[in-house]
Amino acid sequence: MLPEDNELPNSTYYAKKILCSMGMNYDRIHACPNDCILYRKEFESLDLCPVCGESRYKLSKNNVERKKAIPAKVLWYLPVIPRFKRMFRNATHAKNLTWHSDGRTRDGMLRHPADSPQWSLIDYKFPDFATDVRNLRLGLSTDGMNPHGNMSSTHSTWPVLLTIYNLPPWLCMKRRFIMLALLISGPRQPGNDIDVYLAPLIDDLKILWEDGVETFDAHRQESFNLRAILLWTINDFPAYGNLSGYSVKGHKACPICEEDTHSIQLKHGKKTVYLGNRRFLPIHHRYRRLRAAFNGSTEE
């Protein structure tokens, strides 16, 4: 199909060898089908889950292991440390990764996360981290999706993405700079057990925060100790509950208000609704005294 002098690999095997030599390999980590554990570290050699006793591999109709062992569930992890180091080997990328310090306009306007008070707070609390502007500031985003495109299906696969905020705003949201770190396969969503699947990524982020890794900066032509910090997570409210471990349902669903959450249960629908927001209006606003449209009482 291809001409004789083509430079493309002749098979998938050789294509994978090229990608691995570039540091673009990935790890397939077996997981318990009930989301109890990952078969790594002390559990790597086990065939049964020590928590629920479920088999690590798919069973035949007679509950017998197949001749070829097929894992019941797999987590795909794309290691982030080699990818961060590879970005600094490109002189253009290495220069752009210091834009938040070298190229940003400081006029009091909020155009980039580097202009936010949270960014300044990190610099104030961890001055040793802020000393080197090449240290990375990251955001983590995740949500469930249906890769099969059938909206009626209950299948839910969860990608976990990292955003690099050192880059200028016209680059940090580009597809090539948003890193896919984890792919949690379906068909069920991980729910509150998502922390089990985040473990490999958290281990690497701890290394980048506590010790750092030696990295070559192609722009400055020098080696340095690269560190990174996770600034925040980006998600909708249900995913926020899964990531934080806080229950976002019921009478105390607000993780900010907690015990002071204003909630009532509808008499006929039995659903929990959250009112009490009129207290944020101006003191003489007419909605504060409007009873019938809300819960039958005023808010002073």
Protein backbone atom coordinates (compact mmCIF):
# COMPACT_ATOMS: atom_id res chain seq x y z
CA MET A 1 0.00 0.00 0.00
CA LEU A 2 2.91 2.37 0.79
CA PRO A 3 5.86 3.20 -1.50
CA GLU A 4 9.13 1.35 -0.88
CA ASP A 5 11.08 4.33 0.44
CA ASN A 6 8.44 5.41 2.97
CA GLU A 7 9.57 6.31 6.50
CA LEU A 8 6.44 5.05 8.24
CA PRO A 9 6.74 1.88 10.37
CA ASN A 10 5.66 -1.28 8.59
CA SER A 11 3.63 -2.65 11.51
CA THR A 12 1.95 -1.63 14.74
CA TYR A 13 4.74 -3.35 16.65
CA TYR A 14 7.41 -1.06 15.19
CA ALA A 15 5.18 1.98 15.67
CA LYS A 16 4.92 1.14 19.39
CA LYS A 17 8.69 0.71 19.62
CA ILE A 18 9.18 4.22 18.21
CA LEU A 19 6.68 5.72 20.66
CA CYS A 20 8.27 3.92 23.63
CA SER A 21 11.71 5.26 22.73
CA MET A 22 10.21 8.78 22.84
CA GLY A 23 8.98 8.20 26.38
CA MET A 24 5.34 7.89 25.33
CA ASN A 25 4.69 4.53 26.94
CA TYR A 26 1.71 3.73 29.17
CA ASP A 27 0.90 1.36 32.02
CA ARG A 28 -2.01 -1.07 32.02
CA ILE A 29 -2.84 -1.64 35.69
CA HIS A 30 -5.34 -4.37 36.54
CA ALA A 31 -8.15 -3.31 38.87
CA CYS A 32 -10.72 -5.09 40.97
CA PRO A 33 -14.05 -5.15 39.08
CA ASN A 34 -15.69 -3.79 42.27
CA ASP A 35 -13.21 -0.87 42.44
CA CYS A 36 -11.64 -2.10 45.69
CA ILE A 37 -7.93 -2.06 44.79
CA LEU A 38 -5.41 -1.75 42.00
CA TYR A 39 -3.15 -4.74 41.48
CA ARG A 40 0.07 -2.84 42.06
CA LYS A 41 2.75 -2.64 44.73
CA GLU A 42 1.88 -5.18 47.47
CA PHE A 43 -1.15 -6.51 45.50
CA GLU A 44 0.64 -7.02 42.18
CA SER A 45 0.99 -10.83 42.45
CA LEU A 46 -2.54 -11.54 43.75
CA ASP A 47 -5.26 -13.25 41.70
CA LEU A 48 -8.13 -12.50 44.08
CA CYS A 49 -9.15 -9.18 45.58
CA PRO A 50 -8.22 -9.17 49.32
CA VAL A 51 -11.26 -6.96 50.07
CA CYS A 52 -14.18 -8.58 48.24
CA GLY A 53 -12.65 -11.87 47.06
CA GLU A 54 -13.54 -11.21 43.39
CA SER A 55 -11.30 -12.75 40.72
CA ARG A 56 -8.75 -10.53 39.04
CA TYR A 57 -9.56 -12.09 35.66
CA LYS A 58 -12.71 -12.68 33.68
CA LEU A 59 -14.33 -16.05 34.24
CA SER A 60 -16.10 -18.30 31.77
CA LYS A 61 -19.80 -19.17 32.03
CA ASN A 62 -18.90 -22.01 34.45
CA ASN A 63 -16.99 -19.57 36.72
CA VAL A 64 -13.71 -21.08 35.56
CA GLU A 65 -10.73 -18.99 34.52
CA ARG A 66 -10.20 -18.81 30.78
CA LYS A 67 -7.16 -20.40 29.18
CA LYS A 68 -5.92 -16.93 28.26
CA ALA A 69 -6.16 -14.71 31.34
CA ILE A 70 -8.15 -11.55 30.54
CA PRO A 71 -8.23 -8.90 33.26
CA ALA A 72 -11.71 -8.04 34.50
CA LYS A 73 -10.95 -4.32 34.61
CA VAL A 74 -7.98 -2.23 33.47
CA LEU A 75 -6.77 1.24 34.37
CA TRP A 76 -4.73 3.00 31.70
CA TYR A 77 -2.07 5.26 33.20
CA LEU A 78 0.09 7.54 31.07
CA PRO A 79 3.03 8.56 33.34
CA VAL A 80 3.23 12.35 33.59
CA ILE A 81 6.84 12.82 34.74
CA PRO A 82 8.47 11.73 31.42
CA ARG A 83 6.00 13.95 29.53
CA PHE A 84 6.82 17.01 31.65
CA LYS A 85 10.53 16.40 31.11
CA ARG A 86 9.98 16.01 27.37
CA MET A 87 8.23 19.38 27.20
CA PHE A 88 11.34 21.11 28.57
CA ARG A 89 13.51 19.42 25.94
CA ASN A 90 11.75 21.58 23.35
CA ALA A 91 13.26 25.09 23.52
CA THR A 92 10.03 26.80 22.42
CA HIS A 93 7.90 24.95 24.97
CA ALA A 94 10.50 25.55 27.69
CA LYS A 95 10.35 29.29 27.01
CA ASN A 96 6.53 29.31 27.01
CA LEU A 97 6.47 27.49 30.36
CA THR A 98 7.92 30.61 32.02
CA TRP A 99 5.45 33.03 30.38
CA HIS A 100 3.55 33.54 33.65
CA SER A 101 6.68 35.25 35.02
CA ASP A 102 8.43 36.70 31.95
CA GLY A 103 5.64 37.66 29.55
CA ARG A 104 2.60 38.43 31.69
CA THR A 105 1.19 41.96 31.90
CA ARG A 106 0.75 43.01 35.54
CA ASP A 107 -1.92 45.71 35.56
CA GLY A 108 -4.33 44.34 38.17
CA MET A 109 -6.62 42.71 35.60
CA LEU A 110 -7.51 39.02 35.84
CA ARG A 111 -6.54 37.43 32.51
CA HIS A 112 -4.77 34.29 33.68
CA PRO A 113 -4.67 32.12 36.83
CA ALA A 114 -1.29 33.75 37.60
CA ASP A 115 -3.24 36.97 38.30
CA SER A 116 -5.41 35.26 40.93
CA PRO A 117 -4.98 35.60 44.71
CA GLN A 118 -4.61 31.80 44.99
CA TRP A 119 -1.48 31.92 42.84
CA SER A 120 -0.02 34.67 45.05
CA LEU A 121 -0.96 32.69 48.17
CA ILE A 122 1.05 29.68 46.94
CA ASP A 123 4.04 31.97 46.30
CA TYR A 124 3.71 33.39 49.83
CA LYS A 125 3.27 30.06 51.64
CA PHE A 126 5.94 28.14 49.66
CA PRO A 127 8.68 30.63 48.72
CA ASP A 128 11.14 27.81 47.94
CA PHE A 129 8.70 26.52 45.31
CA ALA A 130 8.08 30.00 43.86
CA THR A 131 11.82 30.72 43.52
CA ASP A 132 12.09 28.78 40.24
CA VAL A 133 9.45 30.01 37.78
CA ARG A 134 9.80 26.79 35.79
CA ASN A 135 8.02 24.79 38.51
CA LEU A 136 4.65 23.68 37.18
CA ARG A 137 1.19 24.73 38.40
CA LEU A 138 -1.44 22.15 37.45
CA GLY A 139 -5.20 21.76 37.38
CA LEU A 140 -6.95 18.38 37.38
CA SER A 141 -10.23 17.77 35.58
CA THR A 142 -12.35 14.66 35.31
CA ASP A 143 -15.88 13.59 34.42
CA GLY A 144 -17.69 10.58 33.07
CA MET A 145 -18.34 10.13 29.37
CA ASN A 146 -19.87 7.56 27.06
CA PRO A 147 -17.28 6.74 24.36
CA HIS A 148 -19.87 4.79 22.36
CA GLY A 149 -22.03 7.85 21.65
CA ASN A 150 -25.25 6.21 22.82
CA MET A 151 -26.85 8.60 25.28
CA SER A 152 -29.27 5.94 26.58
CA SER A 153 -26.44 3.63 27.63
CA THR A 154 -25.32 3.51 31.26
CA HIS A 155 -21.68 3.02 30.25
CA SER A 156 -19.36 5.54 31.93
CA THR A 157 -15.63 5.90 31.19
CA TRP A 158 -13.70 8.52 33.16
CA PRO A 159 -10.71 10.36 31.66
CA VAL A 160 -8.52 12.35 34.07
CA LEU A 161 -6.85 15.38 32.48
CA LEU A 162 -4.09 17.73 33.64
CA THR A 163 -3.89 21.38 32.56
CA ILE A 164 -0.58 23.27 32.75
CA TYR A 165 -1.13 26.87 33.86
CA ASN A 166 2.47 28.04 33.34
CA LEU A 167 1.61 28.48 29.67
CA PRO A 168 0.06 31.64 28.20
CA PRO A 169 -3.76 31.61 28.01
CA TRP A 170 -3.80 31.04 24.25
CA LEU A 171 -1.83 27.80 24.73
CA CYS A 172 -2.80 26.25 28.07
CA MET A 173 -6.27 25.31 26.75
CA LYS A 174 -4.96 23.85 23.48
CA ARG A 175 -5.50 20.14 23.00
CA ARG A 176 -1.80 19.35 22.64
CA PHE A 177 -1.02 20.81 26.08
CA ILE A 178 -3.88 19.15 27.97
CA MET A 179 -2.49 15.85 29.21
CA LEU A 180 -4.55 12.69 29.49
CA ALA A 181 -3.11 11.13 32.65
CA LEU A 182 -5.62 8.37 33.47
CA LEU A 183 -8.37 6.51 31.64
CA ILE A 184 -10.71 4.69 34.03
CA SER A 185 -12.59 2.14 31.98
CA GLY A 186 -16.31 1.41 32.42
CA PRO A 187 -18.94 0.20 32.30
CA ARG A 188 -19.70 1.57 35.78
CA GLN A 189 -18.50 4.89 37.08
CA PRO A 190 -15.94 4.67 39.90
CA GLY A 191 -18.03 6.90 42.19
CA ASN A 192 -16.49 7.49 45.61
CA ASP A 193 -13.83 4.85 44.87
CA ILE A 194 -12.17 7.13 42.32
CA ASP A 195 -9.34 7.69 44.82
CA VAL A 196 -8.29 4.07 44.22
CA TYR A 197 -7.70 4.86 40.55
CA LEU A 198 -5.99 8.19 41.22
CA ALA A 199 -3.26 6.50 43.29
CA PRO A 200 -0.61 6.18 40.48
CA LEU A 201 -1.03 9.85 39.52
CA ILE A 202 -0.94 10.98 43.16
CA ASP A 203 2.30 9.05 43.70
CA ASP A 204 3.94 10.90 40.81
CA LEU A 205 2.58 14.26 41.97
CA LYS A 206 4.01 13.61 45.44
CA ILE A 207 7.42 12.97 43.89
CA LEU A 208 7.17 16.20 41.90
CA TRP A 209 6.14 18.15 45.01
CA GLU A 210 8.44 16.69 47.67
CA ASP A 211 11.67 15.83 45.83
CA GLY A 212 11.34 16.95 42.21
CA VAL A 213 13.03 15.37 39.20
CA GLU A 214 16.15 16.45 37.33
CA THR A 215 15.15 17.98 33.99
CA PHE A 216 17.06 19.59 31.13
CA ASP A 217 15.88 23.04 30.03
CA ALA A 218 16.54 23.34 26.28
CA HIS A 219 15.84 27.10 26.32
CA ARG A 220 18.37 27.98 29.04
CA GLN A 221 20.66 25.05 28.21
CA GLU A 222 20.87 23.86 31.80
CA SER A 223 19.56 21.18 34.12
CA PHE A 224 17.31 22.01 37.06
CA ASN A 225 15.12 20.29 39.65
CA LEU A 226 11.54 20.32 38.34
CA ARG A 227 8.73 20.43 40.89
CA ALA A 228 4.95 20.71 40.48
CA ILE A 229 1.89 21.56 42.53
CA LEU A 230 -1.80 20.78 41.99
CA LEU A 231 -3.64 24.09 42.36
CA TRP A 232 -7.25 22.95 42.01
CA THR A 233 -9.69 20.55 40.39
CA ILE A 234 -12.26 21.37 37.70
CA ASN A 235 -15.48 19.34 37.63
CA ASP A 236 -19.24 19.43 37.94
CA PHE A 237 -20.94 19.06 41.31
CA PRO A 238 -21.40 15.23 41.37
CA ALA A 239 -17.77 14.67 40.33
CA TYR A 240 -16.74 17.23 42.94
CA GLY A 241 -18.38 15.07 45.58
CA ASN A 242 -16.54 11.98 44.34
CA LEU A 243 -13.14 13.71 44.31
CA SER A 244 -13.54 15.39 47.69
CA GLY A 245 -15.25 12.50 49.47
CA TYR A 246 -18.08 14.80 50.55
CA SER A 247 -21.70 13.76 50.11
CA VAL A 248 -23.33 16.25 47.74
CA LYS A 249 -26.82 14.83 48.26
CA GLY A 250 -29.33 15.16 51.06
CA HIS A 251 -30.00 17.94 53.55
CA LYS A 252 -26.35 18.98 54.10
CA ALA A 253 -25.24 18.83 50.47
CA CYS A 254 -23.29 22.10 50.30
CA PRO A 255 -19.60 21.49 51.13
CA ILE A 256 -19.19 25.20 51.96
CA CYS A 257 -22.22 25.72 54.23
CA GLU A 258 -22.15 22.15 55.64
CA GLU A 259 -24.33 22.22 58.80
CA ASP A 260 -25.75 25.63 57.84
CA THR A 261 -27.13 24.40 54.51
CA HIS A 262 -30.71 25.67 53.98
CA SER A 263 -32.75 22.74 52.64
CA ILE A 264 -36.35 21.52 52.75
CA GLN A 265 -38.00 18.34 51.51
CA LEU A 266 -40.98 18.73 49.19
CA LYS A 267 -44.13 17.28 50.69
CA HIS A 268 -45.36 15.39 47.62
CA GLY A 269 -42.28 14.96 45.43
CA LYS A 270 -40.04 14.00 48.40
CA LYS A 271 -37.15 15.79 46.72
CA THR A 272 -34.68 17.93 48.64
CA VAL A 273 -34.48 21.53 47.42
CA TYR A 274 -32.12 24.25 48.56
CA LEU A 275 -33.51 27.68 49.35
CA GLY A 276 -32.23 30.29 51.77
CA ASN A 277 -30.41 32.17 49.04
CA ARG A 278 -32.42 35.36 49.47
CA ARG A 279 -30.16 36.34 52.34
CA PHE A 280 -27.52 37.32 49.79
CA LEU A 281 -29.82 39.94 48.21
CA PRO A 282 -29.74 43.64 49.17
CA ILE A 283 -31.40 44.23 52.54
CA HIS A 284 -34.46 46.02 51.08
CA HIS A 285 -34.97 43.66 48.10
CA ARG A 286 -38.63 42.72 47.62
CA TYR A 287 -37.84 39.00 47.29
CA ARG A 288 -36.81 38.90 50.96
CA ARG A 289 -40.42 39.57 51.98
CA LEU A 290 -42.04 37.43 49.27
CA ARG A 291 -43.51 34.38 50.98
CA ALA A 292 -45.74 32.54 48.52
CA ALA A 293 -43.15 32.14 45.75
CA PHE A 294 -40.61 30.54 48.09
CA ASN A 295 -40.95 28.56 51.32
CA GLY A 296 -43.72 30.54 53.00
CA SER A 297 -41.49 32.67 55.16
CA THR A 298 -39.45 35.86 54.91
CA GLU A 299 -35.67 36.01 55.08
CA GLU A 300 -34.25 38.69 57.30
